[in-house]
């Protein structure tokens, strides 16, 4: 059971790292090159945004925090913490 728990823990950690990377990347781009960012579905202007602007998928970003979304940050953290609590109980 411990091995299965370790695999499940690793999956949650990978998911949380991917979420963190998305947020970190967006934050870095907003700080360093905001003129090259465009929200998906909004008009672009190559004179302002360049020929290949970075498109932000607002629905994808929203889903990270939308409590109605199946895998939002809050729910994923809660499930991860519940797993850690179960694993702690198995080793006690």
PDB file of N, CA and C in Angstrom:
ATOM      1  N   UNK A   1       0.816  -1.197   0.000  1.00  0.00           N
ATOM      2  CA  UNK A   1       0.000   0.000   0.000  1.00  0.00           C
ATOM      3  C   UNK A   1       0.861   1.263   0.000  1.00  0.00           C
ATOM      4  N   UNK A   2       1.979   1.208   0.700  1.00  0.00           N
ATOM      5  CA  UNK A   2       2.856   2.375   0.780  1.00  0.00           C
ATOM      6  C   UNK A   2       3.383   2.768  -0.596  1.00  0.00           C
ATOM      7  N   UNK A   3       3.685   1.755  -1.417  1.00  0.00           N
ATOM      8  CA  UNK A   3       4.194   2.043  -2.768  1.00  0.00           C
ATOM      9  C   UNK A   3       3.130   2.734  -3.612  1.00  0.00           C
ATOM     10  N   UNK A   4       1.884   2.270  -3.520  1.00  0.00           N
ATOM     11  CA  UNK A   4       0.793   2.903  -4.259  1.00  0.00           C
ATOM     12  C   UNK A   4       0.586   4.331  -3.762  1.00  0.00           C
ATOM     13  N   UNK A   5       0.699   4.536  -2.449  1.00  0.00           N
ATOM     14  CA  UNK A   5       0.564   5.871  -1.885  1.00  0.00           C
ATOM     15  C   UNK A   5       1.657   6.794  -2.366  1.00  0.00           C
ATOM     16  N   UNK A   6       2.862   6.267  -2.468  1.00  0.00           N
ATOM     17  CA  UNK A   6       3.987   7.076  -2.954  1.00  0.00           C
ATOM     18  C   UNK A   6       3.772   7.474  -4.410  1.00  0.00           C
ATOM     19  N   UNK A   7       3.219   6.564  -5.213  1.00  0.00           N
ATOM     20  CA  UNK A   7       2.945   6.881  -6.617  1.00  0.00           C
ATOM     21  C   UNK A   7       1.852   7.941  -6.724  1.00  0.00           C
ATOM     22  N   UNK A   8       0.815   7.792  -5.898  1.00  0.00           N
ATOM     23  CA  UNK A   8      -0.270   8.769  -5.911  1.00  0.00           C
ATOM     24  C   UNK A   8       0.240  10.139  -5.458  1.00  0.00           C
ATOM     25  N   UNK A   9       1.090  10.145  -4.447  1.00  0.00           N
ATOM     26  CA  UNK A   9       1.690  11.388  -3.945  1.00  0.00           C
ATOM     27  C   UNK A   9       2.492  12.069  -5.053  1.00  0.00           C
ATOM     28  N   UNK A  10       3.276  11.285  -5.778  1.00  0.00           N
ATOM     29  CA  UNK A  10       4.087  11.829  -6.869  1.00  0.00           C
ATOM     30  C   UNK A  10       3.204  12.424  -7.966  1.00  0.00           C
ATOM     31  N   UNK A  11       2.061  11.782  -8.253  1.00  0.00           N
ATOM     32  CA  UNK A  11       1.145  12.314  -9.271  1.00  0.00           C
ATOM     33  C   UNK A  11       0.593  13.674  -8.847  1.00  0.00           C
ATOM     34  N   UNK A  12       0.183  13.776  -7.579  1.00  0.00           N
ATOM     35  CA  UNK A  12      -0.311  15.062  -7.094  1.00  0.00           C
ATOM     36  C   UNK A  12       0.787  16.119  -7.156  1.00  0.00           C
ATOM     37  N   UNK A  13       1.981  15.755  -6.763  1.00  0.00           N
ATOM     38  CA  UNK A  13       3.082  16.720  -6.777  1.00  0.00           C
ATOM     39  C   UNK A  13       3.391  17.187  -8.188  1.00  0.00           C
ATOM     40  N   UNK A  14       3.321  16.272  -9.154  1.00  0.00           N
ATOM     41  CA  UNK A  14       3.542  16.645 -10.562  1.00  0.00           C
ATOM     42  C   UNK A  14       2.450  17.598 -11.036  1.00  0.00           C
ATOM     43  N   UNK A  15       1.206  17.295 -10.682  1.00  0.00           N
ATOM     44  CA  UNK A  15       0.093  18.157 -11.070  1.00  0.00           C
ATOM     45  C   UNK A  15       0.253  19.544 -10.476  1.00  0.00           C
ATOM     46  N   UNK A  16       0.602  19.613  -9.199  1.00  0.00           N
ATOM     47  CA  UNK A  16       0.790  20.904  -8.546  1.00  0.00           C
ATOM     48  C   UNK A  16       1.969  21.664  -9.133  1.00  0.00           C
ATOM     49  N   UNK A  17       3.029  20.954  -9.496  1.00  0.00           N
ATOM     50  CA  UNK A  17       4.177  21.620 -10.127  1.00  0.00           C
ATOM     51  C   UNK A  17       3.788  22.201 -11.479  1.00  0.00           C
ATOM     52  N   UNK A  18       2.986  21.448 -12.268  1.00  0.00           N
ATOM     53  CA  UNK A  18       2.540  21.962 -13.570  1.00  0.00           C
ATOM     54  C   UNK A  18       1.692  23.216 -13.386  1.00  0.00           C
ATOM     55  N   UNK A  19       0.798  23.189 -12.400  1.00  0.00           N
ATOM     56  CA  UNK A  19      -0.026  24.368 -12.120  1.00  0.00           C
ATOM     57  C   UNK A  19       0.873  25.548 -11.739  1.00  0.00           C
ATOM     58  N   UNK A  20       1.838  25.291 -10.889  1.00  0.00           N
ATOM     59  CA  UNK A  20       2.757  26.340 -10.454  1.00  0.00           C
ATOM     60  C   UNK A  20       3.569  26.904 -11.595  1.00  0.00           C
ATOM     61  N   UNK A  21       4.014  26.035 -12.487  1.00  0.00           N
ATOM     62  CA  UNK A  21       4.804  26.499 -13.634  1.00  0.00           C
ATOM     63  C   UNK A  21       3.982  27.396 -14.546  1.00  0.00           C
ATOM     64  N   UNK A  22       2.703  27.020 -14.764  1.00  0.00           N
ATOM     65  CA  UNK A  22       1.840  27.861 -15.601  1.00  0.00           C
ATOM     66  C   UNK A  22       1.724  29.256 -14.998  1.00  0.00           C
ATOM     67  N   UNK A  23       1.468  29.301 -13.714  1.00  0.00           N
ATOM     68  CA  UNK A  23       1.316  30.591 -13.041  1.00  0.00           C
ATOM     69  C   UNK A  23       2.626  31.367 -13.023  1.00  0.00           C
ATOM     70  N   UNK A  24       3.709  30.666 -12.760  1.00  0.00           N
ATOM     71  CA  UNK A  24       5.016  31.315 -12.717  1.00  0.00           C
ATOM     72  C   UNK A  24       5.393  31.867 -14.091  1.00  0.00           C
ATOM     73  N   UNK A  25       5.152  31.082 -15.132  1.00  0.00           N
ATOM     74  CA  UNK A  25       5.472  31.529 -16.490  1.00  0.00           C
ATOM     75  C   UNK A  25       4.658  32.755 -16.868  1.00  0.00           C
ATOM     76  N   UNK A  26       3.369  32.714 -16.564  1.00  0.00           N
ATOM     77  CA  UNK A  26       2.528  33.856 -16.880  1.00  0.00           C
ATOM     78  C   UNK A  26       2.998  35.086 -16.109  1.00  0.00           C
ATOM     79  N   UNK A  27       3.295  34.929 -14.844  1.00  0.00           N
ATOM     80  CA  UNK A  27       3.780  36.047 -14.038  1.00  0.00           C
ATOM     81  C   UNK A  27       5.063  36.631 -14.593  1.00  0.00           C
ATOM     82  N   UNK A  28       5.965  35.756 -14.998  1.00  0.00           N
ATOM     83  CA  UNK A  28       7.241  36.220 -15.552  1.00  0.00           C
ATOM     84  C   UNK A  28       7.013  37.001 -16.847  1.00  0.00           C
ATOM     85  N   UNK A  29       6.138  36.485 -17.705  1.00  0.00           N
ATOM     86  CA  UNK A  29       5.848  37.196 -18.954  1.00  0.00           C
ATOM     87  C   UNK A  29       5.156  38.532 -18.694  1.00  0.00           C
ATOM     88  N   UNK A  30       4.263  38.559 -17.712  1.00  0.00           N
ATOM     89  CA  UNK A  30       3.595  39.815 -17.380  1.00  0.00           C
ATOM     90  C   UNK A  30       4.593  40.853 -16.865  1.00  0.00           C
ATOM     91  N   UNK A  31       5.612  40.390 -16.162  1.00  0.00           N
ATOM     92  CA  UNK A  31       6.639  41.297 -15.650  1.00  0.00           C
ATOM     93  C   UNK A  31       7.603  41.746 -16.736  1.00  0.00           C
ATOM     94  N   UNK A  32       8.035  40.817 -17.579  1.00  0.00           N
ATOM     95  CA  UNK A  32       9.138  41.088 -18.487  1.00  0.00           C
ATOM     96  C   UNK A  32       8.732  41.489 -19.903  1.00  0.00           C
ATOM     97  N   UNK A  33       7.591  41.003 -20.372  1.00  0.00           N
ATOM     98  CA  UNK A  33       7.222  41.287 -21.764  1.00  0.00           C
ATOM     99  C   UNK A  33       5.710  41.391 -21.939  1.00  0.00           C
ATOM    100  N   UNK A  34       5.056  42.260 -21.187  1.00  0.00           N
ATOM    101  CA  UNK A  34       3.599  42.327 -21.282  1.00  0.00           C
ATOM    102  C   UNK A  34       3.084  42.735 -22.666  1.00  0.00           C
ATOM    103  N   UNK A  35       3.882  43.435 -23.435  1.00  0.00           N
ATOM    104  CA  UNK A  35       3.416  43.841 -24.763  1.00  0.00           C
ATOM    105  C   UNK A  35       3.291  42.647 -25.709  1.00  0.00           C
ATOM    106  N   UNK A  36       3.930  41.526 -25.383  1.00  0.00           N
ATOM    107  CA  UNK A  36       3.879  40.339 -26.245  1.00  0.00           C
ATOM    108  C   UNK A  36       2.787  39.357 -25.830  1.00  0.00           C
ATOM    109  N   UNK A  37       1.993  39.718 -24.833  1.00  0.00           N
ATOM    110  CA  UNK A  37       0.914  38.855 -24.351  1.00  0.00           C
ATOM    111  C   UNK A  37      -0.424  39.331 -24.869  1.00  0.00           C
ATOM    112  N   UNK A  38      -1.266  38.373 -25.249  1.00  0.00           N
ATOM    113  CA  UNK A  38      -2.624  38.674 -25.700  1.00  0.00           C
ATOM    114  C   UNK A  38      -3.538  37.586 -25.155  1.00  0.00           C
ATOM    115  N   UNK A  39      -4.688  37.988 -24.654  1.00  0.00           N
ATOM    116  CA  UNK A  39      -5.666  37.008 -24.194  1.00  0.00           C
ATOM    117  C   UNK A  39      -6.335  36.370 -25.409  1.00  0.00           C
ATOM    118  N   UNK A  40      -6.529  35.062 -25.342  1.00  0.00           N
ATOM    119  CA  UNK A  40      -7.158  34.324 -26.437  1.00  0.00           C
ATOM    120  C   UNK A  40      -8.514  34.933 -26.763  1.00  0.00           C
ATOM    121  N   UNK A  41      -8.731  35.175 -28.053  1.00  0.00           N
ATOM    122  CA  UNK A  41      -9.985  35.742 -28.507  1.00  0.00           C
ATOM    123  C   UNK A  41      -9.980  37.263 -28.610  1.00  0.00           C
ATOM    124  N   UNK A  42      -8.938  37.898 -28.092  1.00  0.00           N
ATOM    125  CA  UNK A  42      -8.836  39.350 -28.175  1.00  0.00           C
ATOM    126  C   UNK A  42      -8.007  39.719 -29.396  1.00  0.00           C
ATOM    127  N   UNK A  43      -8.238  40.889 -29.960  1.00  0.00           N
ATOM    128  CA  UNK A  43      -7.485  41.283 -31.157  1.00  0.00           C
ATOM    129  C   UNK A  43      -5.998  41.505 -30.857  1.00  0.00           C
ATOM    130  N   UNK A  44      -5.193  41.247 -31.868  1.00  0.00           N
ATOM    131  CA  UNK A  44      -3.756  41.488 -31.758  1.00  0.00           C
ATOM    132  C   UNK A  44      -3.351  42.511 -32.809  1.00  0.00           C
ATOM    133  N   UNK A  45      -2.255  43.169 -32.537  1.00  0.00           N
ATOM    134  CA  UNK A  45      -1.698  44.139 -33.473  1.00  0.00           C
ATOM    135  C   UNK A  45      -0.206  43.844 -33.556  1.00  0.00           C
ATOM    136  N   UNK A  46       0.264  43.321 -34.703  1.00  0.00           N
ATOM    137  CA  UNK A  46       1.677  42.997 -34.822  1.00  0.00           C
ATOM    138  C   UNK A  46       2.607  44.158 -34.503  1.00  0.00           C
ATOM    139  N   UNK A  47       2.159  45.383 -34.725  1.00  0.00           N
ATOM    140  CA  UNK A  47       2.992  46.550 -34.409  1.00  0.00           C
ATOM    141  C   UNK A  47       3.181  46.686 -32.898  1.00  0.00           C
ATOM    142  N   UNK A  48       2.242  46.204 -32.119  1.00  0.00           N
ATOM    143  CA  UNK A  48       2.319  46.288 -30.658  1.00  0.00           C
ATOM    144  C   UNK A  48       2.785  44.957 -30.058  1.00  0.00           C
ATOM    145  N   UNK A  49       2.148  43.877 -30.491  1.00  0.00           N
ATOM    146  CA  UNK A  49       2.369  42.564 -29.874  1.00  0.00           C
ATOM    147  C   UNK A  49       3.444  41.730 -30.555  1.00  0.00           C
ATOM    148  N   UNK A  50       3.955  42.169 -31.682  1.00  0.00           N
ATOM    149  CA  UNK A  50       4.919  41.376 -32.434  1.00  0.00           C
ATOM    150  C   UNK A  50       4.204  40.394 -33.347  1.00  0.00           C
ATOM    151  N   UNK A  51       4.985  39.708 -34.156  1.00  0.00           N
ATOM    152  CA  UNK A  51       4.411  38.769 -35.124  1.00  0.00           C
ATOM    153  C   UNK A  51       3.904  37.485 -34.485  1.00  0.00           C
ATOM    154  N   UNK A  52       4.469  37.120 -33.345  1.00  0.00           N
ATOM    155  CA  UNK A  52       4.078  35.871 -32.685  1.00  0.00           C
ATOM    156  C   UNK A  52       3.810  36.125 -31.195  1.00  0.00           C
ATOM    157  N   UNK A  53       2.694  36.760 -30.870  1.00  0.00           N
ATOM    158  CA  UNK A  53       2.418  37.034 -29.463  1.00  0.00           C
ATOM    159  C   UNK A  53       2.114  35.740 -28.695  1.00  0.00           C
ATOM    160  N   UNK A  54       2.322  35.788 -27.409  1.00  0.00           N
ATOM    161  CA  UNK A  54       1.975  34.668 -26.540  1.00  0.00           C
ATOM    162  C   UNK A  54       0.490  34.792 -26.241  1.00  0.00           C
ATOM    163  N   UNK A  55      -0.247  33.732 -26.525  1.00  0.00           N
ATOM    164  CA  UNK A  55      -1.689  33.731 -26.317  1.00  0.00           C
ATOM    165  C   UNK A  55      -1.994  33.123 -24.951  1.00  0.00           C
ATOM    166  N   UNK A  56      -2.692  33.867 -24.116  1.00  0.00           N
ATOM    167  CA  UNK A  56      -3.100  33.379 -22.804  1.00  0.00           C
ATOM    168  C   UNK A  56      -4.504  32.797 -22.927  1.00  0.00           C
ATOM    169  N   UNK A  57      -4.649  31.537 -22.574  1.00  0.00           N
ATOM    170  CA  UNK A  57      -5.963  30.905 -22.567  1.00  0.00           C
ATOM    171  C   UNK A  57      -6.628  31.240 -21.232  1.00  0.00           C
ATOM    172  N   UNK A  58      -7.500  32.216 -21.254  1.00  0.00           N
ATOM    173  CA  UNK A  58      -8.131  32.694 -20.030  1.00  0.00           C
ATOM    174  C   UNK A  58      -8.967  31.607 -19.354  1.00  0.00           C
ATOM    175  N   UNK A  59      -9.610  30.747 -20.148  1.00  0.00           N
ATOM    176  CA  UNK A  59     -10.409  29.664 -19.566  1.00  0.00           C
ATOM    177  C   UNK A  59      -9.518  28.682 -18.809  1.00  0.00           C
ATOM    178  N   UNK A  60      -8.346  28.420 -19.364  1.00  0.00           N
ATOM    179  CA  UNK A  60      -7.402  27.523 -18.693  1.00  0.00           C
ATOM    180  C   UNK A  60      -6.926  28.128 -17.373  1.00  0.00           C
ATOM    181  N   UNK A  61      -6.626  29.421 -17.404  1.00  0.00           N
ATOM    182  CA  UNK A  61      -6.188  30.095 -16.172  1.00  0.00           C
ATOM    183  C   UNK A  61      -7.327  30.143 -15.147  1.00  0.00           C
ATOM    184  N   UNK A  62      -8.515  30.435 -15.622  1.00  0.00           N
ATOM    185  CA  UNK A  62      -9.677  30.508 -14.743  1.00  0.00           C
ATOM    186  C   UNK A  62      -9.924  29.153 -14.071  1.00  0.00           C
ATOM    187  N   UNK A  63      -9.769  28.082 -14.828  1.00  0.00           N
ATOM    188  CA  UNK A  63     -10.026  26.734 -14.293  1.00  0.00           C
ATOM    189  C   UNK A  63      -9.102  26.403 -13.122  1.00  0.00           C
ATOM    190  N   UNK A  64      -7.929  27.017 -13.085  1.00  0.00           N
ATOM    191  CA  UNK A  64      -7.021  26.759 -11.967  1.00  0.00           C
ATOM    192  C   UNK A  64      -7.616  27.195 -10.638  1.00  0.00           C
ATOM    193  N   UNK A  65      -8.516  28.189 -10.669  1.00  0.00           N
ATOM    194  CA  UNK A  65      -9.076  28.738  -9.433  1.00  0.00           C
ATOM    195  C   UNK A  65     -10.590  28.597  -9.330  1.00  0.00           C
ATOM    196  N   UNK A  66     -11.223  28.104 -10.382  1.00  0.00           N
ATOM    197  CA  UNK A  66     -12.678  27.964 -10.409  1.00  0.00           C
ATOM    198  C   UNK A  66     -13.088  26.789  -9.525  1.00  0.00           C
ATOM    199  N   UNK A  67     -13.835  27.075  -8.478  1.00  0.00           N
ATOM    200  CA  UNK A  67     -14.232  26.011  -7.551  1.00  0.00           C
ATOM    201  C   UNK A  67     -15.144  24.979  -8.207  1.00  0.00           C
ATOM    202  N   UNK A  68     -15.756  25.332  -9.335  1.00  0.00           N
ATOM    203  CA  UNK A  68     -16.595  24.381 -10.056  1.00  0.00           C
ATOM    204  C   UNK A  68     -15.772  23.450 -10.953  1.00  0.00           C
ATOM    205  N   UNK A  69     -14.516  23.799 -11.217  1.00  0.00           N
ATOM    206  CA  UNK A  69     -13.653  22.964 -12.059  1.00  0.00           C
ATOM    207  C   UNK A  69     -13.174  21.753 -11.266  1.00  0.00           C
ATOM    208  N   UNK A  70     -13.101  20.633 -11.928  1.00  0.00           N
ATOM    209  CA  UNK A  70     -12.726  19.383 -11.257  1.00  0.00           C
ATOM    210  C   UNK A  70     -11.324  19.435 -10.660  1.00  0.00           C
ATOM    211  N   UNK A  71     -10.391  19.990 -11.379  1.00  0.00           N
ATOM    212  CA  UNK A  71      -8.993  20.010 -10.907  1.00  0.00           C
ATOM    213  C   UNK A  71      -8.510  21.446 -10.751  1.00  0.00           C
ATOM    214  N   UNK A  72      -9.062  22.146  -9.772  1.00  0.00           N
ATOM    215  CA  UNK A  72      -8.569  23.481  -9.477  1.00  0.00           C
ATOM    216  C   UNK A  72      -7.500  23.379  -8.390  1.00  0.00           C
ATOM    217  N   UNK A  73      -6.765  24.437  -8.192  1.00  0.00           N
ATOM    218  CA  UNK A  73      -5.657  24.426  -7.233  1.00  0.00           C
ATOM    219  C   UNK A  73      -6.143  24.055  -5.836  1.00  0.00           C
ATOM    220  N   UNK A  74      -7.240  24.652  -5.410  1.00  0.00           N
ATOM    221  CA  UNK A  74      -7.744  24.391  -4.067  1.00  0.00           C
ATOM    222  C   UNK A  74      -8.128  22.940  -3.852  1.00  0.00           C
ATOM    223  N   UNK A  75      -8.882  22.367  -4.793  1.00  0.00           N
ATOM    224  CA  UNK A  75      -9.307  20.965  -4.673  1.00  0.00           C
ATOM    225  C   UNK A  75      -8.110  20.027  -4.745  1.00  0.00           C
ATOM    226  N   UNK A  76      -7.181  20.321  -5.636  1.00  0.00           N
ATOM    227  CA  UNK A  76      -5.997  19.474  -5.765  1.00  0.00           C
ATOM    228  C   UNK A  76      -5.167  19.513  -4.491  1.00  0.00           C
ATOM    229  N   UNK A  77      -4.993  20.689  -3.922  1.00  0.00           N
ATOM    230  CA  UNK A  77      -4.258  20.786  -2.656  1.00  0.00           C
ATOM    231  C   UNK A  77      -4.976  20.037  -1.536  1.00  0.00           C
ATOM    232  N   UNK A  78      -6.301  20.176  -1.473  1.00  0.00           N
ATOM    233  CA  UNK A  78      -7.066  19.470  -0.442  1.00  0.00           C
ATOM    234  C   UNK A  78      -6.883  17.954  -0.569  1.00  0.00           C
ATOM    235  N   UNK A  79      -7.018  17.432  -1.794  1.00  0.00           N
ATOM    236  CA  UNK A  79      -6.849  15.997  -2.022  1.00  0.00           C
ATOM    237  C   UNK A  79      -5.431  15.555  -1.673  1.00  0.00           C
ATOM    238  N   UNK A  80      -4.464  16.374  -2.029  1.00  0.00           N
ATOM    239  CA  UNK A  80      -3.063  16.061  -1.717  1.00  0.00           C
ATOM    240  C   UNK A  80      -2.857  16.016  -0.208  1.00  0.00           C
ATOM    241  N   UNK A  81      -3.399  16.985   0.507  1.00  0.00           N
ATOM    242  CA  UNK A  81      -3.262  17.008   1.962  1.00  0.00           C
ATOM    243  C   UNK A  81      -3.965  15.819   2.606  1.00  0.00           C
ATOM    244  N   UNK A  82      -5.120  15.424   2.063  1.00  0.00           N
ATOM    245  CA  UNK A  82      -5.820  14.244   2.573  1.00  0.00           C
ATOM    246  C   UNK A  82      -4.972  12.995   2.372  1.00  0.00           C
ATOM    247  N   UNK A  83      -4.325  12.907   1.210  1.00  0.00           N
ATOM    248  CA  UNK A  83      -3.434  11.775   0.947  1.00  0.00           C
ATOM    249  C   UNK A  83      -2.273  11.771   1.928  1.00  0.00           C
ATOM    250  N   UNK A  84      -1.678  12.924   2.156  1.00  0.00           N
ATOM    251  CA  UNK A  84      -0.567  12.996   3.115  1.00  0.00           C
ATOM    252  C   UNK A  84      -1.021  12.550   4.498  1.00  0.00           C
ATOM    253  N   UNK A  85      -2.245  12.939   4.887  1.00  0.00           N
ATOM    254  CA  UNK A  85      -2.766  12.537   6.192  1.00  0.00           C
ATOM    255  C   UNK A  85      -2.951  11.010   6.243  1.00  0.00           C
ATOM    256  N   UNK A  86      -3.488  10.427   5.168  1.00  0.00           N
ATOM    257  CA  UNK A  86      -3.647   8.954   5.127  1.00  0.00           C
ATOM    258  C   UNK A  86      -2.297   8.260   5.201  1.00  0.00           C
ATOM    259  N   UNK A  87      -1.327   8.782   4.449  1.00  0.00           N
ATOM    260  CA  UNK A  87       0.001   8.170   4.446  1.00  0.00           C
ATOM    261  C   UNK A  87       0.651   8.293   5.817  1.00  0.00           C
ATOM    262  N   UNK A  88       0.441   9.400   6.479  1.00  0.00           N
ATOM    263  CA  UNK A  88       0.983   9.588   7.826  1.00  0.00           C
ATOM    264  C   UNK A  88       0.371   8.567   8.781  1.00  0.00           C
ATOM    265  N   UNK A  89      -0.937   8.313   8.621  1.00  0.00           N
ATOM    266  CA  UNK A  89      -1.620   7.335   9.458  1.00  0.00           C
ATOM    267  C   UNK A  89      -1.122   5.909   9.241  1.00  0.00           C
ATOM    268  N   UNK A  90      -0.714   5.607   8.009  1.00  0.00           N
ATOM    269  CA  UNK A  90      -0.203   4.266   7.693  1.00  0.00           C
ATOM    270  C   UNK A  90       1.164   4.029   8.319  1.00  0.00           C
ATOM    271  N   UNK A  91       1.940   5.077   8.515  1.00  0.00           N
ATOM    272  CA  UNK A  91       3.297   4.902   9.039  1.00  0.00           C
ATOM    273  C   UNK A  91       3.357   5.057  10.545  1.00  0.00           C
ATOM    274  N   UNK A  92       2.237   5.458  11.160  1.00  0.00           N
ATOM    275  CA  UNK A  92       2.237   5.662  12.622  1.00  0.00           C
ATOM    276  C   UNK A  92       2.121   4.355  13.370  1.00  0.00           C
TER     277      UNK A  92
END
